[in-house]
Amino acid sequence: MTIHTVASRDFTRDVGHAKRLAAEGPVFITDRGTPAYALLKIEDYYALSGGRPELSLLDLMEGMPRTDGIDYEASKAEIDLDIEQ
């Protein structure tokens, strides 16, 4: 694995170049000569962080089986309110 270093100014000018370098290994992005950020492939990030992030509720719901064929009729709720003014 090759580690590359790119100056912040060069990164800003040519992000595509930094992405191509990241395919070979981590890219350190420097700010005034000091490493400030690291760019790496998402697979490498997941390996370092312990896996993919947990799914959101929406992601989980989208994975549930469809319920088109289920007959269901909701009953009306009765609410008794006594509002004093």
N, C-alpha and C. Protein backbone atom coordinates (compact mmCIF):
# COMPACT_ATOMS: atom_id res chain seq x y z
N MET A 1 0.85 -1.17 0.00
CA MET A 1 0.00 0.00 0.00
C MET A 1 0.90 1.24 0.00
N THR A 2 0.61 2.12 -0.90
CA THR A 2 1.38 3.35 -1.03
C THR A 2 0.64 4.49 -0.34
N ILE A 3 1.36 5.29 0.44
CA ILE A 3 0.78 6.47 1.06
C ILE A 3 1.25 7.69 0.29
N HIS A 4 0.29 8.50 -0.15
CA HIS A 4 0.61 9.71 -0.91
C HIS A 4 0.32 10.94 -0.05
N THR A 5 0.99 12.02 -0.36
CA THR A 5 0.76 13.30 0.30
C THR A 5 0.45 14.35 -0.76
N VAL A 6 -0.60 15.12 -0.52
CA VAL A 6 -1.03 16.16 -1.45
C VAL A 6 -1.24 17.45 -0.66
N ALA A 7 -0.72 18.54 -1.17
CA ALA A 7 -0.94 19.84 -0.53
C ALA A 7 -2.40 20.25 -0.70
N SER A 8 -2.92 20.94 0.28
CA SER A 8 -4.32 21.38 0.26
C SER A 8 -4.65 22.16 -1.01
N ARG A 9 -3.75 23.02 -1.44
CA ARG A 9 -3.97 23.81 -2.64
C ARG A 9 -4.08 22.91 -3.88
N ASP A 10 -3.20 21.88 -3.98
CA ASP A 10 -3.25 20.95 -5.11
C ASP A 10 -4.52 20.10 -5.06
N PHE A 11 -4.92 19.73 -3.86
CA PHE A 11 -6.16 18.95 -3.70
C PHE A 11 -7.35 19.75 -4.22
N THR A 12 -7.39 21.02 -3.86
CA THR A 12 -8.49 21.89 -4.29
C THR A 12 -8.53 22.03 -5.81
N ARG A 13 -7.37 22.12 -6.43
CA ARG A 13 -7.30 22.29 -7.88
C ARG A 13 -7.65 21.03 -8.65
N ASP A 14 -7.30 19.85 -8.09
CA ASP A 14 -7.48 18.60 -8.84
C ASP A 14 -7.89 17.47 -7.91
N VAL A 15 -9.15 17.48 -7.52
CA VAL A 15 -9.68 16.44 -6.63
C VAL A 15 -9.60 15.07 -7.30
N GLY A 16 -9.81 15.03 -8.60
CA GLY A 16 -9.75 13.76 -9.34
C GLY A 16 -8.41 13.08 -9.20
N HIS A 17 -7.34 13.86 -9.21
CA HIS A 17 -5.99 13.29 -9.05
C HIS A 17 -5.87 12.64 -7.67
N ALA A 18 -6.36 13.32 -6.65
CA ALA A 18 -6.30 12.76 -5.29
C ALA A 18 -7.13 11.49 -5.19
N LYS A 19 -8.27 11.44 -5.86
CA LYS A 19 -9.09 10.23 -5.84
C LYS A 19 -8.37 9.07 -6.51
N ARG A 20 -7.68 9.35 -7.61
CA ARG A 20 -6.92 8.28 -8.28
C ARG A 20 -5.79 7.78 -7.37
N LEU A 21 -5.14 8.69 -6.66
CA LEU A 21 -4.09 8.28 -5.72
C LEU A 21 -4.68 7.44 -4.59
N ALA A 22 -5.88 7.79 -4.13
CA ALA A 22 -6.52 7.06 -3.04
C ALA A 22 -6.84 5.62 -3.43
N ALA A 23 -6.96 5.35 -4.73
CA ALA A 23 -7.18 3.97 -5.17
C ALA A 23 -5.97 3.10 -4.86
N GLU A 24 -4.79 3.72 -4.72
CA GLU A 24 -3.56 2.99 -4.43
C GLU A 24 -3.28 2.90 -2.93
N GLY A 25 -3.85 3.80 -2.15
CA GLY A 25 -3.61 3.84 -0.72
C GLY A 25 -4.03 5.18 -0.15
N PRO A 26 -3.88 5.38 1.15
CA PRO A 26 -4.31 6.62 1.78
C PRO A 26 -3.60 7.84 1.20
N VAL A 27 -4.31 8.95 1.18
CA VAL A 27 -3.75 10.22 0.72
C VAL A 27 -3.83 11.20 1.89
N PHE A 28 -2.67 11.68 2.34
CA PHE A 28 -2.64 12.70 3.37
C PHE A 28 -2.72 14.06 2.70
N ILE A 29 -3.65 14.88 3.14
CA ILE A 29 -3.81 16.22 2.61
C ILE A 29 -3.23 17.18 3.65
N THR A 30 -2.24 17.93 3.22
CA THR A 30 -1.53 18.79 4.17
C THR A 30 -2.07 20.21 4.16
N ASP A 31 -1.96 20.83 5.30
CA ASP A 31 -2.30 22.24 5.46
C ASP A 31 -1.06 22.93 6.01
N ARG A 32 -0.43 23.72 5.16
CA ARG A 32 0.85 24.37 5.50
C ARG A 32 1.92 23.35 5.88
N GLY A 33 1.94 22.26 5.12
CA GLY A 33 2.98 21.25 5.29
C GLY A 33 2.72 20.20 6.36
N THR A 34 1.64 20.36 7.12
CA THR A 34 1.30 19.40 8.17
C THR A 34 0.09 18.59 7.76
N PRO A 35 0.14 17.24 7.87
CA PRO A 35 -1.03 16.44 7.53
C PRO A 35 -2.25 16.87 8.34
N ALA A 36 -3.33 17.18 7.65
CA ALA A 36 -4.55 17.66 8.30
C ALA A 36 -5.74 16.75 8.05
N TYR A 37 -5.73 16.05 6.91
CA TYR A 37 -6.84 15.19 6.53
C TYR A 37 -6.29 13.94 5.87
N ALA A 38 -7.12 12.90 5.83
CA ALA A 38 -6.75 11.68 5.12
C ALA A 38 -7.90 11.30 4.20
N LEU A 39 -7.58 10.99 2.96
CA LEU A 39 -8.55 10.53 1.98
C LEU A 39 -8.27 9.07 1.71
N LEU A 40 -9.31 8.23 1.82
CA LEU A 40 -9.12 6.81 1.55
C LEU A 40 -10.38 6.21 0.95
N LYS A 41 -10.22 5.02 0.35
CA LYS A 41 -11.35 4.33 -0.25
C LYS A 41 -12.35 3.98 0.84
N ILE A 42 -13.61 3.95 0.48
CA ILE A 42 -14.66 3.67 1.46
C ILE A 42 -14.49 2.29 2.08
N GLU A 43 -14.01 1.33 1.30
CA GLU A 43 -13.79 -0.02 1.84
C GLU A 43 -12.73 0.02 2.95
N ASP A 44 -11.69 0.82 2.74
CA ASP A 44 -10.66 0.96 3.76
C ASP A 44 -11.21 1.64 5.01
N TYR A 45 -12.06 2.63 4.80
CA TYR A 45 -12.67 3.32 5.94
C TYR A 45 -13.52 2.35 6.75
N TYR A 46 -14.36 1.55 6.07
CA TYR A 46 -15.19 0.59 6.78
C TYR A 46 -14.34 -0.42 7.54
N ALA A 47 -13.24 -0.85 6.93
CA ALA A 47 -12.35 -1.80 7.61
C ALA A 47 -11.76 -1.18 8.88
N LEU A 48 -11.41 0.09 8.82
CA LEU A 48 -10.84 0.76 9.99
C LEU A 48 -11.88 1.07 11.06
N SER A 49 -13.09 1.39 10.63
CA SER A 49 -14.12 1.82 11.58
C SER A 49 -14.95 0.66 12.12
N GLY A 50 -14.71 -0.54 11.64
CA GLY A 50 -15.44 -1.68 12.17
C GLY A 50 -16.67 -2.07 11.38
N GLY A 51 -16.81 -1.60 10.19
CA GLY A 51 -17.93 -2.03 9.35
C GLY A 51 -18.78 -0.88 8.86
N ARG A 52 -19.79 -1.25 8.15
CA ARG A 52 -20.71 -0.25 7.60
C ARG A 52 -21.54 0.37 8.72
N PRO A 53 -22.01 1.59 8.50
CA PRO A 53 -22.85 2.22 9.51
C PRO A 53 -24.17 1.47 9.65
N GLU A 54 -24.79 1.61 10.81
CA GLU A 54 -26.08 0.96 11.02
C GLU A 54 -27.11 1.55 10.06
N LEU A 55 -28.07 0.72 9.69
CA LEU A 55 -29.11 1.17 8.77
C LEU A 55 -30.08 2.10 9.49
N SER A 56 -30.62 3.04 8.75
CA SER A 56 -31.63 3.93 9.31
C SER A 56 -32.98 3.21 9.34
N LEU A 57 -33.93 3.78 10.04
CA LEU A 57 -35.27 3.20 10.09
C LEU A 57 -35.86 3.09 8.69
N LEU A 58 -35.64 4.10 7.86
CA LEU A 58 -36.15 4.07 6.49
C LEU A 58 -35.53 2.92 5.71
N ASP A 59 -34.22 2.71 5.86
CA ASP A 59 -33.55 1.59 5.18
C ASP A 59 -34.17 0.26 5.61
N LEU A 60 -34.42 0.11 6.90
CA LEU A 60 -35.02 -1.13 7.40
C LEU A 60 -36.44 -1.32 6.87
N MET A 61 -37.22 -0.24 6.84
CA MET A 61 -38.59 -0.34 6.35
C MET A 61 -38.64 -0.68 4.87
N GLU A 62 -37.70 -0.13 4.10
CA GLU A 62 -37.67 -0.43 2.67
C GLU A 62 -37.33 -1.90 2.42
N GLY A 63 -36.67 -2.54 3.36
CA GLY A 63 -36.32 -3.95 3.22
C GLY A 63 -37.42 -4.90 3.66
N MET A 64 -38.51 -4.37 4.22
CA MET A 64 -39.60 -5.23 4.70
C MET A 64 -40.45 -5.69 3.52
N PRO A 65 -41.11 -6.86 3.68
CA PRO A 65 -41.98 -7.34 2.60
C PRO A 65 -43.17 -6.40 2.40
N ARG A 66 -43.65 -6.36 1.18
CA ARG A 66 -44.79 -5.50 0.86
C ARG A 66 -46.06 -6.06 1.49
N THR A 67 -47.01 -5.18 1.75
CA THR A 67 -48.27 -5.59 2.39
C THR A 67 -49.48 -5.27 1.52
N ASP A 68 -49.29 -5.24 0.21
CA ASP A 68 -50.38 -4.88 -0.70
C ASP A 68 -51.59 -5.81 -0.58
N GLY A 69 -51.37 -7.08 -0.33
CA GLY A 69 -52.47 -8.05 -0.34
C GLY A 69 -53.16 -8.24 0.99
N ILE A 70 -52.84 -7.46 1.99
CA ILE A 70 -53.43 -7.64 3.32
C ILE A 70 -54.65 -6.73 3.44
N ASP A 71 -55.79 -7.34 3.82
CA ASP A 71 -57.01 -6.57 4.04
C ASP A 71 -57.04 -6.11 5.49
N TYR A 72 -57.18 -4.81 5.69
CA TYR A 72 -57.22 -4.26 7.03
C TYR A 72 -58.09 -3.02 7.02
N GLU A 73 -58.99 -2.96 7.98
CA GLU A 73 -59.84 -1.78 8.10
C GLU A 73 -59.71 -1.25 9.51
N ALA A 74 -59.26 -0.06 9.63
CA ALA A 74 -59.07 0.54 10.95
C ALA A 74 -60.40 1.04 11.48
N SER A 75 -60.63 0.82 12.77
CA SER A 75 -61.86 1.32 13.37
C SER A 75 -61.65 2.76 13.82
N LYS A 76 -62.75 3.50 13.88
CA LYS A 76 -62.66 4.89 14.30
C LYS A 76 -62.41 4.95 15.80
N ALA A 77 -61.58 5.85 16.19
CA ALA A 77 -61.33 6.06 17.61
C ALA A 77 -62.33 7.08 18.13
N GLU A 78 -62.90 6.80 19.30
CA GLU A 78 -63.83 7.74 19.91
C GLU A 78 -63.08 8.51 20.98
N ILE A 79 -63.17 9.82 20.90
CA ILE A 79 -62.47 10.67 21.85
C ILE A 79 -63.51 11.55 22.54
N ASP A 80 -63.53 11.48 23.87
CA ASP A 80 -64.47 12.28 24.65
C ASP A 80 -63.68 13.40 25.31
N LEU A 81 -63.89 14.62 24.84
CA LEU A 81 -63.16 15.77 25.37
C LEU A 81 -64.10 16.68 26.14
N ASP A 82 -63.66 17.11 27.29
CA ASP A 82 -64.41 18.09 28.07
C ASP A 82 -63.49 19.29 28.24
N ILE A 83 -63.70 20.28 27.40
CA ILE A 83 -62.83 21.45 27.40
C ILE A 83 -63.53 22.59 28.12
N GLU A 84 -62.92 23.04 29.21
CA GLU A 84 -63.47 24.16 29.96
C GLU A 84 -62.75 25.43 29.56
N GLN A 85 -63.53 26.51 29.48
CA GLN A 85 -62.91 27.78 29.12
C GLN A 85 -62.86 28.71 30.28
